[in-house]
Amino acid sequence: MKSFRDKRRDGRPHPARAEQPRPRDAFAAGRQQAAPAERRETKPAERQEAKPAPRVLARREGALPAERLPLILEVAPNADYALLDSGAGEKLEQYGPYRIVRPEGQAIWQRALPAKDWERADAIFTGDTDEEGIGRWRFPKTPLGETWPMKHDGIDYLGRFTSFRHVGVFPEQASHWDHMAGLIASARRPVKVLNLFGYTGLASLVAARAGAEVTHVDASKKAIGWARENQEMAGLADKPIRWIVEDAMKFAEREERRGSRYDIVLFDPPAYGRGPKGEVWQLFEDLPGLTELCRSILTPKPLAVVLTAYSIRASFFAIHALMRDTFAGMGGTVESGELIIREKSAGRALSTSLFSRWVA
């Protein structure tokens, strides 16, 4: 399903329910095929399942979980990534060896660093051409290749210049990754993680490195191919990760029917998307059903469910109330707020997304 996240805070497109290859996953044709071992959750024609009836939602009984809000999860500059400066609708970032300039609609203030620091950029997203691949980037110094090696907390992966301004990682999510790794390590038992809308796989790699068995679902075959490439590059090929090309909602519905259960569920759906068969995802219409599904496929002793929402015209209180209602009767705590990146130049906070997570 092709989403329309060019409207969000840095145009990040995202998968939705039955997505075509996503703009944010576009890269050179020679790399579009995923590795042969990937799984596609489809069935032979003679075994096709009937389309399930629409899910009927009813408010759950029981006490609401405790709440903690607002919770601001912050990513500070580090050796792997830094937000160097921002302002005038752009941001200056350091990704490993490269200094990159990209649009940032929320940076409505003025730049703190002088122009000479911005002019030292290695790559600038221009958005002035419809070409695929890296044609929408300008390289002021030396023309750069499509990919380059990057790290997150010791995990190697590939950065990539895509035609939709993205580079394959969303650093603000590191707060969730660290929290998840801590839950897995402290559980002292086998943990199963489901990563819906998994994109290029960093969350899945963090979970696998921490000791979890991971199921990574994404509707884009190219994203799965990139994620598998990252698994090999990270030296985690021996870790138990299932890579599945599938519609997230349909996969979760099947897991519910099959009795498959998970201790941690991550989901980061788009605001809007349209699929190849005319499927339409509208966040405010479809998110309640998907959230309910995420609860229904939890183990008897779950650890957490993490929801992230980008560029929606709502307060985090909206998804906070949804999560508390959905997890009524389960105890635990719902923590909600914003993910931010702390700027290196002037110390300003750049908000990137809303989130809400239920923690047992």
Foldseek 3Di string as FASTA:
>chain_A
DEAQQCLFFFRDTFFAFQAEAYQVLFADPVLQAADPQAAAPDDPPVPHDDDDDDDDDDFDDFAFAAADDDDEAEDEDDQQKAFAWDAPQWTWMDHHPFIEIGGGNVRHHHIQDDPVVVVVGQKYQQLPDPDWHQPRIDGPPDDDDQWDWGDDPLQIAIFGRTNRRGGQDDVLCVSVLVVLLVLLLVVPDEFEEEEESQFQAPSVVSNQVSPYQYEYEHQRSSRLRRNVRSCVRRVNPVTHYHRYNRRRVVVLVVCLVVLAAGQEYEYEHACWDAHPVGDIDHCVVCVLVVLLSNVSRHDPNHFKYKYKYTPDPDAQVVVQVSNRRSCHPVYFYKHWHFRWYAHDRPRDTDTTTIMIMGGD
